[in-house]
Amino acid sequence: AIRHVQSMYEEAYSDYLKDRARGNGTLITFHSAFQCCGKESSEQVQPTCPKELPGHKNCIDKIETVISAKLQLIGIVGIGIAGLTEL
């Protein structure tokens, strides 16, 4: 799941760099949802970054962090539900 979302981000990033004039709603959505901006640097994609974001936060790293945390939570809830259904 993490690699798939990172791949989607990479594609949106590349699309934006190819045609900046067109804009990229997908990239803006990624930046807003994950509160990140760019990869190694935010310089190339700065117009798509959240205005309230202080400094640069690597989106590839942030995607992994957020999804890993959510998957752990889903796993814990799943184990809890399985335990309850066994009672």
PDB file of N, CA and C in Angstrom:
ATOM      1  N   ALA A   1       0.832  -1.191   0.000  1.00  0.00           N
ATOM      2  CA  ALA A   1       0.000   0.000   0.000  1.00  0.00           C
ATOM      3  C   ALA A   1       0.875   1.252   0.000  1.00  0.00           C
ATOM      4  N   ILE A   2       1.910   1.236   0.796  1.00  0.00           N
ATOM      5  CA  ILE A   2       2.791   2.404   0.896  1.00  0.00           C
ATOM      6  C   ILE A   2       3.461   2.682  -0.436  1.00  0.00           C
ATOM      7  N   ARG A   3       4.009   1.646  -1.052  1.00  0.00           N
ATOM      8  CA  ARG A   3       4.709   1.814  -2.340  1.00  0.00           C
ATOM      9  C   ARG A   3       3.749   2.296  -3.420  1.00  0.00           C
ATOM     10  N   HIS A   4       2.521   1.822  -3.382  1.00  0.00           N
ATOM     11  CA  HIS A   4       1.529   2.233  -4.381  1.00  0.00           C
ATOM     12  C   HIS A   4       1.225   3.731  -4.248  1.00  0.00           C
ATOM     13  N   VAL A   5       1.022   4.204  -3.050  1.00  0.00           N
ATOM     14  CA  VAL A   5       0.729   5.623  -2.830  1.00  0.00           C
ATOM     15  C   VAL A   5       1.950   6.466  -3.180  1.00  0.00           C
ATOM     16  N   GLN A   6       3.142   5.992  -2.819  1.00  0.00           N
ATOM     17  CA  GLN A   6       4.357   6.722  -3.179  1.00  0.00           C
ATOM     18  C   GLN A   6       4.510   6.805  -4.698  1.00  0.00           C
ATOM     19  N   SER A   7       4.177   5.728  -5.381  1.00  0.00           N
ATOM     20  CA  SER A   7       4.235   5.708  -6.842  1.00  0.00           C
ATOM     21  C   SER A   7       3.246   6.712  -7.443  1.00  0.00           C
ATOM     22  N   MET A   8       2.059   6.791  -6.882  1.00  0.00           N
ATOM     23  CA  MET A   8       1.068   7.758  -7.348  1.00  0.00           C
ATOM     24  C   MET A   8       1.590   9.184  -7.147  1.00  0.00           C
ATOM     25  N   TYR A   9       2.236   9.428  -6.023  1.00  0.00           N
ATOM     26  CA  TYR A   9       2.816  10.743  -5.757  1.00  0.00           C
ATOM     27  C   TYR A   9       3.909  11.058  -6.784  1.00  0.00           C
ATOM     28  N   GLU A  10       4.790  10.102  -7.016  1.00  0.00           N
ATOM     29  CA  GLU A  10       5.887  10.286  -7.983  1.00  0.00           C
ATOM     30  C   GLU A  10       5.336  10.645  -9.360  1.00  0.00           C
ATOM     31  N   GLU A  11       4.267   9.977  -9.759  1.00  0.00           N
ATOM     32  CA  GLU A  11       3.651  10.242 -11.060  1.00  0.00           C
ATOM     33  C   GLU A  11       3.076  11.664 -11.115  1.00  0.00           C
ATOM     34  N   ALA A  12       2.364  12.070 -10.071  1.00  0.00           N
ATOM     35  CA  ALA A  12       1.798  13.422 -10.019  1.00  0.00           C
ATOM     36  C   ALA A  12       2.916  14.460 -10.016  1.00  0.00           C
ATOM     37  N   TYR A  13       3.992  14.171  -9.320  1.00  0.00           N
ATOM     38  CA  TYR A  13       5.156  15.062  -9.244  1.00  0.00           C
ATOM     39  C   TYR A  13       5.764  15.240 -10.637  1.00  0.00           C
ATOM     40  N   SER A  14       5.977  14.134 -11.329  1.00  0.00           N
ATOM     41  CA  SER A  14       6.546  14.179 -12.683  1.00  0.00           C
ATOM     42  C   SER A  14       5.636  14.921 -13.651  1.00  0.00           C
ATOM     43  N   ASP A  15       4.342  14.657 -13.567  1.00  0.00           N
ATOM     44  CA  ASP A  15       3.377  15.343 -14.430  1.00  0.00           C
ATOM     45  C   ASP A  15       3.436  16.848 -14.224  1.00  0.00           C
ATOM     46  N   TYR A  16       3.558  17.274 -12.986  1.00  0.00           N
ATOM     47  CA  TYR A  16       3.626  18.700 -12.683  1.00  0.00           C
ATOM     48  C   TYR A  16       4.899  19.321 -13.275  1.00  0.00           C
ATOM     49  N   LEU A  17       6.018  18.624 -13.142  1.00  0.00           N
ATOM     50  CA  LEU A  17       7.274  19.166 -13.657  1.00  0.00           C
ATOM     51  C   LEU A  17       7.263  19.258 -15.181  1.00  0.00           C
ATOM     52  N   LYS A  18       6.548  18.357 -15.854  1.00  0.00           N
ATOM     53  CA  LYS A  18       6.450  18.379 -17.318  1.00  0.00           C
ATOM     54  C   LYS A  18       5.623  19.551 -17.814  1.00  0.00           C
ATOM     55  N   ASP A  19       4.567  19.908 -17.077  1.00  0.00           N
ATOM     56  CA  ASP A  19       3.666  20.974 -17.524  1.00  0.00           C
ATOM     57  C   ASP A  19       3.159  21.768 -16.325  1.00  0.00           C
ATOM     58  N   ARG A  20       3.975  22.670 -15.838  1.00  0.00           N
ATOM     59  CA  ARG A  20       3.623  23.465 -14.657  1.00  0.00           C
ATOM     60  C   ARG A  20       2.448  24.398 -14.905  1.00  0.00           C
ATOM     61  N   ALA A  21       2.306  24.846 -16.126  1.00  0.00           N
ATOM     62  CA  ALA A  21       1.222  25.781 -16.452  1.00  0.00           C
ATOM     63  C   ALA A  21      -0.145  25.134 -16.255  1.00  0.00           C
ATOM     64  N   ARG A  22      -0.225  23.845 -16.473  1.00  0.00           N
ATOM     65  CA  ARG A  22      -1.485  23.118 -16.333  1.00  0.00           C
ATOM     66  C   ARG A  22      -1.920  22.993 -14.880  1.00  0.00           C
ATOM     67  N   GLY A  23      -0.949  23.032 -13.980  1.00  0.00           N
ATOM     68  CA  GLY A  23      -1.281  22.831 -12.568  1.00  0.00           C
ATOM     69  C   GLY A  23      -1.463  21.355 -12.288  1.00  0.00           C
ATOM     70  N   ASN A  24      -1.663  21.012 -11.038  1.00  0.00           N
ATOM     71  CA  ASN A  24      -1.863  19.609 -10.708  1.00  0.00           C
ATOM     72  C   ASN A  24      -2.635  19.481  -9.405  1.00  0.00           C
ATOM     73  N   GLY A  25      -3.932  19.247  -9.534  1.00  0.00           N
ATOM     74  CA  GLY A  25      -4.792  19.078  -8.370  1.00  0.00           C
ATOM     75  C   GLY A  25      -4.402  17.884  -7.525  1.00  0.00           C
ATOM     76  N   THR A  26      -3.900  16.828  -8.180  1.00  0.00           N
ATOM     77  CA  THR A  26      -3.502  15.627  -7.443  1.00  0.00           C
ATOM     78  C   THR A  26      -2.331  15.931  -6.517  1.00  0.00           C
ATOM     79  N   LEU A  27      -1.358  16.658  -7.028  1.00  0.00           N
ATOM     80  CA  LEU A  27      -0.190  17.010  -6.223  1.00  0.00           C
ATOM     81  C   LEU A  27      -0.591  17.913  -5.059  1.00  0.00           C
ATOM     82  N   ILE A  28      -1.463  18.853  -5.329  1.00  0.00           N
ATOM     83  CA  ILE A  28      -1.961  19.750  -4.273  1.00  0.00           C
ATOM     84  C   ILE A  28      -2.684  18.940  -3.192  1.00  0.00           C
ATOM     85  N   THR A  29      -3.477  17.971  -3.613  1.00  0.00           N
ATOM     86  CA  THR A  29      -4.204  17.117  -2.667  1.00  0.00           C
ATOM     87  C   THR A  29      -3.239  16.301  -1.806  1.00  0.00           C
ATOM     88  N   PHE A  30      -2.216  15.715  -2.425  1.00  0.00           N
ATOM     89  CA  PHE A  30      -1.205  14.974  -1.663  1.00  0.00           C
ATOM     90  C   PHE A  30      -0.560  15.885  -0.618  1.00  0.00           C
ATOM     91  N   HIS A  31      -0.128  17.062  -1.052  1.00  0.00           N
ATOM     92  CA  HIS A  31       0.562  17.980  -0.144  1.00  0.00           C
ATOM     93  C   HIS A  31      -0.333  18.404   1.012  1.00  0.00           C
ATOM     94  N   SER A  32      -1.578  18.628   0.715  1.00  0.00           N
ATOM     95  CA  SER A  32      -2.519  19.043   1.749  1.00  0.00           C
ATOM     96  C   SER A  32      -2.836  17.892   2.717  1.00  0.00           C
ATOM     97  N   ALA A  33      -3.102  16.711   2.175  1.00  0.00           N
ATOM     98  CA  ALA A  33      -3.481  15.562   3.004  1.00  0.00           C
ATOM     99  C   ALA A  33      -2.344  15.089   3.903  1.00  0.00           C
ATOM    100  N   PHE A  34      -1.126  15.066   3.366  1.00  0.00           N
ATOM    101  CA  PHE A  34       0.011  14.542   4.132  1.00  0.00           C
ATOM    102  C   PHE A  34       0.833  15.639   4.796  1.00  0.00           C
ATOM    103  N   GLN A  35       0.444  16.906   4.589  1.00  0.00           N
ATOM    104  CA  GLN A  35       1.175  18.049   5.138  1.00  0.00           C
ATOM    105  C   GLN A  35       2.674  17.915   4.844  1.00  0.00           C
ATOM    106  N   CYS A  36       2.968  17.826   3.541  1.00  0.00           N
ATOM    107  CA  CYS A  36       4.338  17.692   3.081  1.00  0.00           C
ATOM    108  C   CYS A  36       4.507  18.522   1.817  1.00  0.00           C
ATOM    109  N   CYS A  37       5.730  18.551   1.296  1.00  0.00           N
ATOM    110  CA  CYS A  37       5.963  19.300   0.071  1.00  0.00           C
ATOM    111  C   CYS A  37       7.227  18.815  -0.616  1.00  0.00           C
ATOM    112  N   GLY A  38       7.075  18.229  -1.784  1.00  0.00           N
ATOM    113  CA  GLY A  38       8.214  17.812  -2.594  1.00  0.00           C
ATOM    114  C   GLY A  38       8.871  16.534  -2.127  1.00  0.00           C
ATOM    115  N   LYS A  39      10.036  16.307  -2.723  1.00  0.00           N
ATOM    116  CA  LYS A  39      10.811  15.126  -2.374  1.00  0.00           C
ATOM    117  C   LYS A  39      12.097  15.580  -1.685  1.00  0.00           C
ATOM    118  N   GLU A  40      13.212  15.611  -2.408  1.00  0.00           N
ATOM    119  CA  GLU A  40      14.460  16.047  -1.793  1.00  0.00           C
ATOM    120  C   GLU A  40      14.406  17.528  -1.421  1.00  0.00           C
ATOM    121  N   SER A  41      13.622  18.279  -2.194  1.00  0.00           N
ATOM    122  CA  SER A  41      13.479  19.716  -1.985  1.00  0.00           C
ATOM    123  C   SER A  41      12.064  20.105  -2.371  1.00  0.00           C
ATOM    124  N   SER A  42      11.571  21.198  -1.818  1.00  0.00           N
ATOM    125  CA  SER A  42      10.236  21.657  -2.190  1.00  0.00           C
ATOM    126  C   SER A  42      10.297  22.761  -3.251  1.00  0.00           C
ATOM    127  N   GLU A  43      11.505  23.123  -3.629  1.00  0.00           N
ATOM    128  CA  GLU A  43      11.702  24.253  -4.527  1.00  0.00           C
ATOM    129  C   GLU A  43      10.932  24.135  -5.846  1.00  0.00           C
ATOM    130  N   GLN A  44      10.993  22.978  -6.504  1.00  0.00           N
ATOM    131  CA  GLN A  44      10.376  22.800  -7.819  1.00  0.00           C
ATOM    132  C   GLN A  44       8.851  22.797  -7.778  1.00  0.00           C
ATOM    133  N   VAL A  45       8.276  22.431  -6.658  1.00  0.00           N
ATOM    134  CA  VAL A  45       6.813  22.300  -6.572  1.00  0.00           C
ATOM    135  C   VAL A  45       6.201  23.268  -5.561  1.00  0.00           C
ATOM    136  N   GLN A  46       6.937  24.279  -5.173  1.00  0.00           N
ATOM    137  CA  GLN A  46       6.499  25.218  -4.137  1.00  0.00           C
ATOM    138  C   GLN A  46       5.083  25.767  -4.345  1.00  0.00           C
ATOM    139  N   PRO A  47       4.669  26.102  -5.577  1.00  0.00           N
ATOM    140  CA  PRO A  47       3.312  26.643  -5.752  1.00  0.00           C
ATOM    141  C   PRO A  47       2.191  25.671  -5.348  1.00  0.00           C
ATOM    142  N   THR A  48       2.503  24.374  -5.264  1.00  0.00           N
ATOM    143  CA  THR A  48       1.479  23.383  -4.913  1.00  0.00           C
ATOM    144  C   THR A  48       1.487  23.040  -3.419  1.00  0.00           C
ATOM    145  N   CYS A  49       2.387  23.647  -2.662  1.00  0.00           N
ATOM    146  CA  CYS A  49       2.541  23.316  -1.242  1.00  0.00           C
ATOM    147  C   CYS A  49       1.563  24.102  -0.376  1.00  0.00           C
ATOM    148  N   PRO A  50       1.156  23.516   0.755  1.00  0.00           N
ATOM    149  CA  PRO A  50       0.292  24.242   1.686  1.00  0.00           C
ATOM    150  C   PRO A  50       1.001  25.502   2.193  1.00  0.00           C
ATOM    151  N   LYS A  51       0.295  26.593   2.221  1.00  0.00           N
ATOM    152  CA  LYS A  51       0.882  27.876   2.651  1.00  0.00           C
ATOM    153  C   LYS A  51       1.297  27.838   4.122  1.00  0.00           C
ATOM    154  N   GLU A  52       0.535  27.088   4.939  1.00  0.00           N
ATOM    155  CA  GLU A  52       0.809  27.050   6.374  1.00  0.00           C
ATOM    156  C   GLU A  52       1.918  26.071   6.764  1.00  0.00           C
ATOM    157  N   LEU A  53       2.502  25.369   5.794  1.00  0.00           N
ATOM    158  CA  LEU A  53       3.534  24.370   6.085  1.00  0.00           C
ATOM    159  C   LEU A  53       4.874  25.057   6.329  1.00  0.00           C
ATOM    160  N   PRO A  54       5.413  24.925   7.537  1.00  0.00           N
ATOM    161  CA  PRO A  54       6.709  25.551   7.818  1.00  0.00           C
ATOM    162  C   PRO A  54       7.855  24.675   7.294  1.00  0.00           C
ATOM    163  N   GLY A  55       8.625  25.187   6.377  1.00  0.00           N
ATOM    164  CA  GLY A  55       9.795  24.459   5.881  1.00  0.00           C
ATOM    165  C   GLY A  55       9.452  23.310   4.955  1.00  0.00           C
ATOM    166  N   HIS A  56      10.458  22.514   4.648  1.00  0.00           N
ATOM    167  CA  HIS A  56      10.316  21.388   3.711  1.00  0.00           C
ATOM    168  C   HIS A  56      10.080  20.092   4.472  1.00  0.00           C
ATOM    169  N   LYS A  57       9.122  19.315   3.991  1.00  0.00           N
ATOM    170  CA  LYS A  57       8.891  17.973   4.529  1.00  0.00           C
ATOM    171  C   LYS A  57       8.778  17.027   3.343  1.00  0.00           C
ATOM    172  N   ASN A  58       9.670  16.057   3.261  1.00  0.00           N
ATOM    173  CA  ASN A  58       9.732  15.101   2.164  1.00  0.00           C
ATOM    174  C   ASN A  58       8.464  14.246   2.126  1.00  0.00           C
ATOM    175  N   CYS A  59       7.734  14.321   1.019  1.00  0.00           N
ATOM    176  CA  CYS A  59       6.459  13.601   0.919  1.00  0.00           C
ATOM    177  C   CYS A  59       6.632  12.086   0.858  1.00  0.00           C
ATOM    178  N   ILE A  60       7.695  11.617   0.235  1.00  0.00           N
ATOM    179  CA  ILE A  60       7.910  10.165   0.154  1.00  0.00           C
ATOM    180  C   ILE A  60       8.045   9.600   1.574  1.00  0.00           C
ATOM    181  N   ASP A  61       8.805  10.273   2.415  1.00  0.00           N
ATOM    182  CA  ASP A  61       8.970   9.833   3.809  1.00  0.00           C
ATOM    183  C   ASP A  61       7.666   9.980   4.593  1.00  0.00           C
ATOM    184  N   LYS A  62       6.982  11.103   4.389  1.00  0.00           N
ATOM    185  CA  LYS A  62       5.749  11.393   5.132  1.00  0.00           C
ATOM    186  C   LYS A  62       4.652  10.387   4.782  1.00  0.00           C
ATOM    187  N   ILE A  63       4.545  10.014   3.506  1.00  0.00           N
ATOM    188  CA  ILE A  63       3.551   9.014   3.076  1.00  0.00           C
ATOM    189  C   ILE A  63       3.793   7.706   3.821  1.00  0.00           C
ATOM    190  N   GLU A  64       5.052   7.279   3.879  1.00  0.00           N
ATOM    191  CA  GLU A  64       5.374   6.030   4.568  1.00  0.00           C
ATOM    192  C   GLU A  64       5.028   6.106   6.055  1.00  0.00           C
ATOM    193  N   THR A  65       5.365   7.204   6.686  1.00  0.00           N
ATOM    194  CA  THR A  65       5.102   7.383   8.113  1.00  0.00           C
ATOM    195  C   THR A  65       3.608   7.346   8.419  1.00  0.00           C
ATOM    196  N   VAL A  66       2.836   8.103   7.665  1.00  0.00           N
ATOM    197  CA  VAL A  66       1.394   8.209   7.923  1.00  0.00           C
ATOM    198  C   VAL A  66       0.693   6.877   7.657  1.00  0.00           C
ATOM    199  N   ILE A  67       0.990   6.257   6.517  1.00  0.00           N
ATOM    200  CA  ILE A  67       0.304   5.004   6.179  1.00  0.00           C
ATOM    201  C   ILE A  67       0.708   3.890   7.143  1.00  0.00           C
ATOM    202  N   SER A  68       1.972   3.828   7.520  1.00  0.00           N
ATOM    203  CA  SER A  68       2.411   2.806   8.488  1.00  0.00           C
ATOM    204  C   SER A  68       1.655   2.942   9.798  1.00  0.00           C
ATOM    205  N   ALA A  69       1.511   4.160  10.268  1.00  0.00           N
ATOM    206  CA  ALA A  69       0.783   4.400  11.517  1.00  0.00           C
ATOM    207  C   ALA A  69      -0.674   3.986  11.385  1.00  0.00           C
ATOM    208  N   LYS A  70      -1.294   4.303  10.248  1.00  0.00           N
ATOM    209  CA  LYS A  70      -2.703   3.952  10.035  1.00  0.00           C
ATOM    210  C   LYS A  70      -2.870   2.444   9.913  1.00  0.00           C
ATOM    211  N   LEU A  71      -1.939   1.763   9.240  1.00  0.00           N
ATOM    212  CA  LEU A  71      -2.038   0.310   9.099  1.00  0.00           C
ATOM    213  C   LEU A  71      -1.891  -0.386  10.442  1.00  0.00           C
ATOM    214  N   GLN A  72      -1.024   0.135  11.307  1.00  0.00           N
ATOM    215  CA  GLN A  72      -0.880  -0.439  12.644  1.00  0.00           C
ATOM    216  C   GLN A  72      -2.179  -0.280  13.424  1.00  0.00           C
ATOM    217  N   LEU A  73      -2.797   0.875  13.309  1.00  0.00           N
ATOM    218  CA  LEU A  73      -4.056   1.128  13.997  1.00  0.00           C
ATOM    219  C   LEU A  73      -5.148   0.190  13.485  1.00  0.00           C
ATOM    220  N   ILE A  74      -5.208   0.017  12.175  1.00  0.00           N
ATOM    221  CA  ILE A  74      -6.198  -0.891  11.581  1.00  0.00           C
ATOM    222  C   ILE A  74      -5.960  -2.320  12.075  1.00  0.00           C
ATOM    223  N   GLY A  75      -4.687  -2.725  12.160  1.00  0.00           N
ATOM    224  CA  GLY A  75      -4.358  -4.058  12.652  1.00  0.00           C
ATOM    225  C   GLY A  75      -4.788  -4.258  14.098  1.00  0.00           C
ATOM    226  N   ILE A  76      -4.560  -3.260  14.921  1.00  0.00           N
ATOM    227  CA  ILE A  76      -4.944  -3.344  16.335  1.00  0.00           C
ATOM    228  C   ILE A  76      -6.462  -3.442  16.465  1.00  0.00           C
ATOM    229  N   VAL A  77      -7.178  -2.607  15.707  1.00  0.00           N
ATOM    230  CA  VAL A  77      -8.647  -2.644  15.747  1.00  0.00           C
ATOM    231  C   VAL A  77      -9.148  -4.000  15.258  1.00  0.00           C
ATOM    232  N   GLY A  78      -8.524  -4.511  14.192  1.00  0.00           N
ATOM    233  CA  GLY A  78      -8.922  -5.821  13.655  1.00  0.00           C
ATOM    234  C   GLY A  78      -8.736  -6.940  14.664  1.00  0.00           C
ATOM    235  N   ILE A  79      -7.623  -6.919  15.376  1.00  0.00           N
ATOM    236  CA  ILE A  79      -7.364  -7.933  16.403  1.00  0.00           C
ATOM    237  C   ILE A  79      -8.384  -7.803  17.527  1.00  0.00           C
ATOM    238  N   GLY A  80      -8.690  -6.562  17.906  1.00  0.00           N
ATOM    239  CA  GLY A  80      -9.693  -6.330  18.949  1.00  0.00           C
ATOM    240  C   GLY A  80     -11.056  -6.856  18.547  1.00  0.00           C
ATOM    241  N   ILE A  81     -11.453  -6.605  17.313  1.00  0.00           N
ATOM    242  CA  ILE A  81     -12.757  -7.081  16.820  1.00  0.00           C
ATOM    243  C   ILE A  81     -12.767  -8.598  16.752  1.00  0.00           C
ATOM    244  N   ALA A  82     -11.661  -9.185  16.279  1.00  0.00           N
ATOM    245  CA  ALA A  82     -11.593 -10.651  16.223  1.00  0.00           C
ATOM    246  C   ALA A  82     -11.707 -11.260  17.618  1.00  0.00           C
ATOM    247  N   GLY A  83     -11.068 -10.604  18.579  1.00  0.00           N
ATOM    248  CA  GLY A  83     -11.158 -11.087  19.956  1.00  0.00           C
ATOM    249  C   GLY A  83     -12.566 -11.002  20.512  1.00  0.00           C
ATOM    250  N   LEU A  84     -13.265  -9.941  20.193  1.00  0.00           N
ATOM    251  CA  LEU A  84     -14.638  -9.770  20.660  1.00  0.00           C
ATOM    252  C   LEU A  84     -15.588 -10.779  20.026  1.00  0.00           C
ATOM    253  N   THR A  85     -15.365 -11.105  18.756  1.00  0.00           N
ATOM    254  CA  THR A  85     -16.266 -12.042  18.081  1.00  0.00           C
ATOM    255  C   THR A  85     -16.058 -13.476  18.565  1.00  0.00           C
ATOM    256  N   GLU A  86     -14.894 -13.743  19.163  1.00  0.00           N
ATOM    257  CA  GLU A  86     -14.619 -15.075  19.692  1.00  0.00           C
ATOM    258  C   GLU A  86     -15.328 -15.304  21.029  1.00  0.00           C
ATOM    259  N   LEU A  87     -15.707 -14.225  21.692  1.00  0.00           N
ATOM    260  CA  LEU A  87     -16.334 -14.369  23.022  1.00  0.00           C
ATOM    261  C   LEU A  87     -17.707 -14.853  22.889  1.00  0.00           C
TER     262      LEU A  87
END
